[in-house]
PDB file of all heavy atoms in Angstrom:
ATOM      1  N   ASN A   1     172.740 160.237 188.840  1.00  0.00           N
ATOM      2  CA  ASN A   1     172.784 158.820 189.186  1.00  0.00           C
ATOM      3  C   ASN A   1     172.187 158.554 190.559  1.00  0.00           C
ATOM      4  O   ASN A   1     171.910 157.403 190.902  1.00  0.00           O
ATOM      5  CB  ASN A   1     174.221 158.298 189.169  1.00  0.00           C
ATOM      6  CG  ASN A   1     174.681 157.975 187.762  1.00  0.00           C
ATOM      7  OD1 ASN A   1     173.884 157.935 186.836  1.00  0.00           O
ATOM      8  ND2 ASN A   1     175.967 157.764 187.597  1.00  0.00           N
ATOM      9  N   ALA A   2     172.003 159.600 191.340  1.00  0.00           N
ATOM     10  CA  ALA A   2     171.363 159.490 192.643  1.00  0.00           C
ATOM     11  C   ALA A   2     169.956 160.060 192.549  1.00  0.00           C
ATOM     12  O   ALA A   2     169.584 160.672 191.535  1.00  0.00           O
ATOM     13  CB  ALA A   2     172.181 160.239 193.690  1.00  0.00           C
ATOM     14  N   SER A   3     169.171 159.889 193.604  1.00  0.00           N
ATOM     15  CA  SER A   3     167.815 160.428 193.608  1.00  0.00           C
ATOM     16  C   SER A   3     167.849 161.945 193.449  1.00  0.00           C
ATOM     17  O   SER A   3     168.615 162.639 194.125  1.00  0.00           O
ATOM     18  CB  SER A   3     167.111 160.061 194.913  1.00  0.00           C
ATOM     19  OG  SER A   3     165.866 160.727 195.005  1.00  0.00           O
ATOM     20  N   ALA A   4     166.997 162.443 192.551  1.00  0.00           N
ATOM     21  CA  ALA A   4     166.883 163.891 192.373  1.00  0.00           C
ATOM     22  C   ALA A   4     166.077 164.524 193.494  1.00  0.00           C
ATOM     23  O   ALA A   4     166.096 165.749 193.659  1.00  0.00           O
ATOM     24  CB  ALA A   4     166.229 164.207 191.027  1.00  0.00           C
ATOM     25  N   ALA A   5     165.369 163.714 194.259  1.00  0.00           N
ATOM     26  CA  ALA A   5     164.578 164.196 195.388  1.00  0.00           C
ATOM     27  C   ALA A   5     165.402 164.076 196.666  1.00  0.00           C
ATOM     28  O   ALA A   5     166.617 163.909 196.636  1.00  0.00           O
ATOM     29  CB  ALA A   5     163.273 163.406 195.486  1.00  0.00           C
ATOM     30  N   GLY A   6     164.738 164.185 197.807  1.00  0.00           N
ATOM     31  CA  GLY A   6     165.381 163.931 199.082  1.00  0.00           C
ATOM     32  C   GLY A   6     166.527 164.870 199.388  1.00  0.00           C
ATOM     33  O   GLY A   6     166.445 166.081 199.193  1.00  0.00           O
ATOM     34  N   ASP A   7     167.636 164.287 199.861  1.00  0.00           N
ATOM     35  CA  ASP A   7     168.771 165.083 200.331  1.00  0.00           C
ATOM     36  C   ASP A   7     169.337 165.979 199.240  1.00  0.00           C
ATOM     37  O   ASP A   7     169.717 167.128 199.498  1.00  0.00           O
ATOM     38  CB  ASP A   7     169.874 164.161 200.854  1.00  0.00           C
ATOM     39  CG  ASP A   7     169.493 163.471 202.154  1.00  0.00           C
ATOM     40  OD1 ASP A   7     168.515 163.909 202.789  1.00  0.00           O
ATOM     41  OD2 ASP A   7     170.167 162.487 202.522  1.00  0.00           O
ATOM     42  N   GLN A   8     169.429 165.450 198.010  1.00  0.00           N
ATOM     43  CA  GLN A   8     170.024 166.245 196.940  1.00  0.00           C
ATOM     44  C   GLN A   8     169.155 167.465 196.612  1.00  0.00           C
ATOM     45  O   GLN A   8     169.671 168.571 196.418  1.00  0.00           O
ATOM     46  CB  GLN A   8     170.260 165.402 195.683  1.00  0.00           C
ATOM     47  CG  GLN A   8     171.003 166.156 194.593  1.00  0.00           C
ATOM     48  CD  GLN A   8     171.558 165.287 193.481  1.00  0.00           C
ATOM     49  OE1 GLN A   8     172.447 165.696 192.745  1.00  0.00           O
ATOM     50  NE2 GLN A   8     171.048 164.082 193.337  1.00  0.00           N
ATOM     51  N   ARG A   9     167.844 167.265 196.548  1.00  0.00           N
ATOM     52  CA  ARG A   9     166.957 168.392 196.286  1.00  0.00           C
ATOM     53  C   ARG A   9     167.018 169.407 197.411  1.00  0.00           C
ATOM     54  O   ARG A   9     167.047 170.630 197.157  1.00  0.00           O
ATOM     55  CB  ARG A   9     165.513 167.913 196.105  1.00  0.00           C
ATOM     56  CG  ARG A   9     164.584 169.045 195.693  1.00  0.00           C
ATOM     57  CD  ARG A   9     163.117 168.689 195.818  1.00  0.00           C
ATOM     58  NE  ARG A   9     162.280 169.805 195.389  1.00  0.00           N
ATOM     59  CZ  ARG A   9     162.019 170.882 196.134  1.00  0.00           C
ATOM     60  NH1 ARG A   9     162.546 170.984 197.358  1.00  0.00           N
ATOM     61  NH2 ARG A   9     161.258 171.861 195.673  1.00  0.00           N
ATOM     62  N   ASP A  10     167.054 168.949 198.657  1.00  0.00           N
ATOM     63  CA  ASP A  10     167.136 169.869 199.793  1.00  0.00           C
ATOM     64  C   ASP A  10     168.424 170.674 199.741  1.00  0.00           C
ATOM     65  O   ASP A  10     168.427 171.886 200.003  1.00  0.00           O
ATOM     66  CB  ASP A  10     167.063 169.091 201.114  1.00  0.00           C
ATOM     67  CG  ASP A  10     165.695 168.462 201.357  1.00  0.00           C
ATOM     68  OD1 ASP A  10     164.726 168.848 200.664  1.00  0.00           O
ATOM     69  OD2 ASP A  10     165.603 167.564 202.224  1.00  0.00           O
ATOM     70  N   TRP A  11     169.523 169.989 199.417  1.00  0.00           N
ATOM     71  CA  TRP A  11     170.804 170.692 199.298  1.00  0.00           C
ATOM     72  C   TRP A  11     170.748 171.735 198.185  1.00  0.00           C
ATOM     73  O   TRP A  11     171.211 172.872 198.355  1.00  0.00           O
ATOM     74  CB  TRP A  11     171.925 169.693 199.018  1.00  0.00           C
ATOM     75  CG  TRP A  11     173.238 170.368 198.760  1.00  0.00           C
ATOM     76  CD1 TRP A  11     174.167 170.757 199.683  1.00  0.00           C
ATOM     77  CD2 TRP A  11     173.751 170.768 197.483  1.00  0.00           C
ATOM     78  NE1 TRP A  11     175.221 171.372 199.061  1.00  0.00           N
ATOM     79  CE2 TRP A  11     174.991 171.393 197.720  1.00  0.00           C
ATOM     80  CE3 TRP A  11     173.287 170.666 196.180  1.00  0.00           C
ATOM     81  CZ2 TRP A  11     175.788 171.908 196.683  1.00  0.00           C
ATOM     82  CZ3 TRP A  11     174.057 171.173 195.140  1.00  0.00           C
ATOM     83  CH2 TRP A  11     175.298 171.786 195.386  1.00  0.00           C
ATOM     84  N   LEU A  12     170.176 171.355 197.034  1.00  0.00           N
ATOM     85  CA  LEU A  12     170.087 172.275 195.904  1.00  0.00           C
ATOM     86  C   LEU A  12     169.259 173.500 196.262  1.00  0.00           C
ATOM     87  O   LEU A  12     169.637 174.637 195.930  1.00  0.00           O
ATOM     88  CB  LEU A  12     169.480 171.560 194.698  1.00  0.00           C
ATOM     89  CG  LEU A  12     169.251 172.427 193.450  1.00  0.00           C
ATOM     90  CD1 LEU A  12     170.565 172.980 192.916  1.00  0.00           C
ATOM     91  CD2 LEU A  12     168.530 171.617 192.371  1.00  0.00           C
ATOM     92  N   ALA A  13     168.131 173.299 196.931  1.00  0.00           N
ATOM     93  CA  ALA A  13     167.276 174.427 197.317  1.00  0.00           C
ATOM     94  C   ALA A  13     168.046 175.408 198.197  1.00  0.00           C
ATOM     95  O   ALA A  13     167.972 176.636 198.007  1.00  0.00           O
ATOM     96  CB  ALA A  13     166.027 173.923 198.031  1.00  0.00           C
ATOM     97  N   ALA A  14     168.791 174.878 199.157  1.00  0.00           N
ATOM     98  CA  ALA A  14     169.560 175.746 200.054  1.00  0.00           C
ATOM     99  C   ALA A  14     170.700 176.438 199.314  1.00  0.00           C
ATOM    100  O   ALA A  14     170.965 177.631 199.528  1.00  0.00           O
ATOM    101  CB  ALA A  14     170.101 174.924 201.221  1.00  0.00           C
ATOM    102  N   GLU A  15     171.369 175.708 198.424  1.00  0.00           N
ATOM    103  CA  GLU A  15     172.489 176.285 197.667  1.00  0.00           C
ATOM    104  C   GLU A  15     172.021 177.419 196.754  1.00  0.00           C
ATOM    105  O   GLU A  15     172.629 178.489 196.719  1.00  0.00           O
ATOM    106  CB  GLU A  15     173.169 175.187 196.847  1.00  0.00           C
ATOM    107  CG  GLU A  15     174.149 175.674 195.800  1.00  0.00           C
ATOM    108  CD  GLU A  15     175.331 176.434 196.356  1.00  0.00           C
ATOM    109  OE1 GLU A  15     175.795 176.093 197.464  1.00  0.00           O
ATOM    110  OE2 GLU A  15     175.799 177.370 195.686  1.00  0.00           O
ATOM    111  N   LEU A  16     170.935 177.205 196.014  1.00  0.00           N
ATOM    112  CA  LEU A  16     170.453 178.246 195.106  1.00  0.00           C
ATOM    113  C   LEU A  16     169.949 179.462 195.877  1.00  0.00           C
ATOM    114  O   LEU A  16     170.167 180.605 195.459  1.00  0.00           O
ATOM    115  CB  LEU A  16     169.345 177.687 194.216  1.00  0.00           C
ATOM    116  CG  LEU A  16     169.755 176.577 193.235  1.00  0.00           C
ATOM    117  CD1 LEU A  16     168.551 176.132 192.409  1.00  0.00           C
ATOM    118  CD2 LEU A  16     170.898 177.019 192.324  1.00  0.00           C
ATOM    119  N   ALA A  17     169.278 179.230 196.980  1.00  0.00           N
ATOM    120  CA  ALA A  17     168.780 180.346 197.786  1.00  0.00           C
ATOM    121  C   ALA A  17     169.927 181.192 198.323  1.00  0.00           C
ATOM    122  O   ALA A  17     169.830 182.429 198.380  1.00  0.00           O
ATOM    123  CB  ALA A  17     167.926 179.824 198.938  1.00  0.00           C
ATOM    124  N   ALA A  18     171.019 180.547 198.699  1.00  0.00           N
ATOM    125  CA  ALA A  18     172.166 181.286 199.229  1.00  0.00           C
ATOM    126  C   ALA A  18     172.976 181.963 198.129  1.00  0.00           C
ATOM    127  O   ALA A  18     173.507 183.064 198.322  1.00  0.00           O
ATOM    128  CB  ALA A  18     173.061 180.333 200.019  1.00  0.00           C
ATOM    129  N   SER A  19     173.053 181.334 196.960  1.00  0.00           N
ATOM    130  CA  SER A  19     173.929 181.836 195.900  1.00  0.00           C
ATOM    131  C   SER A  19     173.296 182.912 195.039  1.00  0.00           C
ATOM    132  O   SER A  19     173.984 183.831 194.576  1.00  0.00           O
ATOM    133  CB  SER A  19     174.373 180.670 195.005  1.00  0.00           C
ATOM    134  OG  SER A  19     175.206 179.790 195.711  1.00  0.00           O
ATOM    135  N   ARG A  20     171.993 182.834 194.800  1.00  0.00           N
ATOM    136  CA  ARG A  20     171.373 183.786 193.872  1.00  0.00           C
ATOM    137  C   ARG A  20     171.592 185.249 194.269  1.00  0.00           C
ATOM    138  O   ARG A  20     171.906 186.077 193.399  1.00  0.00           O
ATOM    139  CB  ARG A  20     169.888 183.476 193.737  1.00  0.00           C
ATOM    140  CG  ARG A  20     169.099 184.397 192.817  1.00  0.00           C
ATOM    141  CD  ARG A  20     169.397 184.186 191.327  1.00  0.00           C
ATOM    142  NE  ARG A  20     170.649 184.768 190.868  1.00  0.00           N
ATOM    143  CZ  ARG A  20     171.100 184.657 189.622  1.00  0.00           C
ATOM    144  NH1 ARG A  20     170.428 183.967 188.716  1.00  0.00           N
ATOM    145  NH2 ARG A  20     172.243 185.203 189.273  1.00  0.00           N
ATOM    146  N   PRO A  21     171.470 185.619 195.550  1.00  0.00           N
ATOM    147  CA  PRO A  21     171.699 187.022 195.889  1.00  0.00           C
ATOM    148  C   PRO A  21     173.164 187.449 195.802  1.00  0.00           C
ATOM    149  O   PRO A  21     173.451 188.646 195.704  1.00  0.00           O
ATOM    150  CB  PRO A  21     171.207 187.115 197.345  1.00  0.00           C
ATOM    151  CG  PRO A  21     170.388 185.907 197.587  1.00  0.00           C
ATOM    152  CD  PRO A  21     170.967 184.850 196.709  1.00  0.00           C
ATOM    153  N   ARG A  22     174.086 186.498 195.829  1.00  0.00           N
ATOM    154  CA  ARG A  22     175.510 186.823 195.925  1.00  0.00           C
ATOM    155  C   ARG A  22     176.216 186.876 194.586  1.00  0.00           C
ATOM    156  O   ARG A  22     177.262 187.528 194.462  1.00  0.00           O
ATOM    157  CB  ARG A  22     176.217 185.787 196.802  1.00  0.00           C
ATOM    158  CG  ARG A  22     175.767 185.762 198.253  1.00  0.00           C
ATOM    159  CD  ARG A  22     176.496 184.668 199.010  1.00  0.00           C
ATOM    160  NE  ARG A  22     177.945 184.783 198.869  1.00  0.00           N
ATOM    161  CZ  ARG A  22     178.799 183.782 199.094  1.00  0.00           C
ATOM    162  NH1 ARG A  22     178.332 182.584 199.452  1.00  0.00           N
ATOM    163  NH2 ARG A  22     180.100 183.958 198.969  1.00  0.00           N
ATOM    164  N   TYR A  23     175.688 186.177 193.576  1.00  0.00           N
ATOM    165  CA  TYR A  23     176.412 186.014 192.314  1.00  0.00           C
ATOM    166  C   TYR A  23     175.629 186.624 191.157  1.00  0.00           C
ATOM    167  O   TYR A  23     174.414 186.464 191.068  1.00  0.00           O
ATOM    168  CB  TYR A  23     176.675 184.524 192.037  1.00  0.00           C
ATOM    169  CG  TYR A  23     177.616 183.901 193.032  1.00  0.00           C
ATOM    170  CD1 TYR A  23     177.132 183.323 194.201  1.00  0.00           C
ATOM    171  CD2 TYR A  23     178.988 183.898 192.817  1.00  0.00           C
ATOM    172  CE1 TYR A  23     177.993 182.756 195.133  1.00  0.00           C
ATOM    173  CE2 TYR A  23     179.856 183.333 193.743  1.00  0.00           C
ATOM    174  CZ  TYR A  23     179.352 182.765 194.897  1.00  0.00           C
ATOM    175  OH  TYR A  23     180.209 182.211 195.813  1.00  0.00           O
ATOM    176  N   ARG A  24     176.371 187.256 190.261  1.00  0.00           N
ATOM    177  CA  ARG A  24     175.733 187.798 189.057  1.00  0.00           C
ATOM    178  C   ARG A  24     175.246 186.674 188.155  1.00  0.00           C
ATOM    179  O   ARG A  24     174.178 186.765 187.536  1.00  0.00           O
ATOM    180  CB  ARG A  24     176.720 188.687 188.294  1.00  0.00           C
ATOM    181  CG  ARG A  24     176.137 189.368 187.074  1.00  0.00           C
ATOM    182  CD  ARG A  24     177.187 190.182 186.334  1.00  0.00           C
ATOM    183  NE  ARG A  24     177.757 191.215 187.158  1.00  0.00           N
ATOM    184  CZ  ARG A  24     177.290 192.462 187.264  1.00  0.00           C
ATOM    185  NH1 ARG A  24     176.207 192.810 186.598  1.00  0.00           N
ATOM    186  NH2 ARG A  24     177.880 193.337 188.043  1.00  0.00           N
ATOM    187  N   TRP A  25     176.044 185.602 188.052  1.00  0.00           N
ATOM    188  CA  TRP A  25     175.721 184.484 187.170  1.00  0.00           C
ATOM    189  C   TRP A  25     175.630 183.204 187.983  1.00  0.00           C
ATOM    190  O   TRP A  25     176.528 182.869 188.741  1.00  0.00           O
ATOM    191  CB  TRP A  25     176.782 184.329 186.080  1.00  0.00           C
ATOM    192  CG  TRP A  25     176.940 185.530 185.210  1.00  0.00           C
ATOM    193  CD1 TRP A  25     177.988 186.411 185.202  1.00  0.00           C
ATOM    194  CD2 TRP A  25     176.028 185.999 184.214  1.00  0.00           C
ATOM    195  NE1 TRP A  25     177.779 187.387 184.276  1.00  0.00           N
ATOM    196  CE2 TRP A  25     176.585 187.167 183.644  1.00  0.00           C
ATOM    197  CE3 TRP A  25     174.796 185.545 183.754  1.00  0.00           C
ATOM    198  CZ2 TRP A  25     175.956 187.879 182.645  1.00  0.00           C
ATOM    199  CZ3 TRP A  25     174.158 186.264 182.750  1.00  0.00           C
ATOM    200  CH2 TRP A  25     174.738 187.410 182.198  1.00  0.00           C
TER     201      TRP A  25
END
């Protein structure tokens, strides 16, 4: 319901980058 770009996309990029090495799934 919010913009998929901008702040939300930036947050997602940082979250996935931090989580992928730490979690199996």
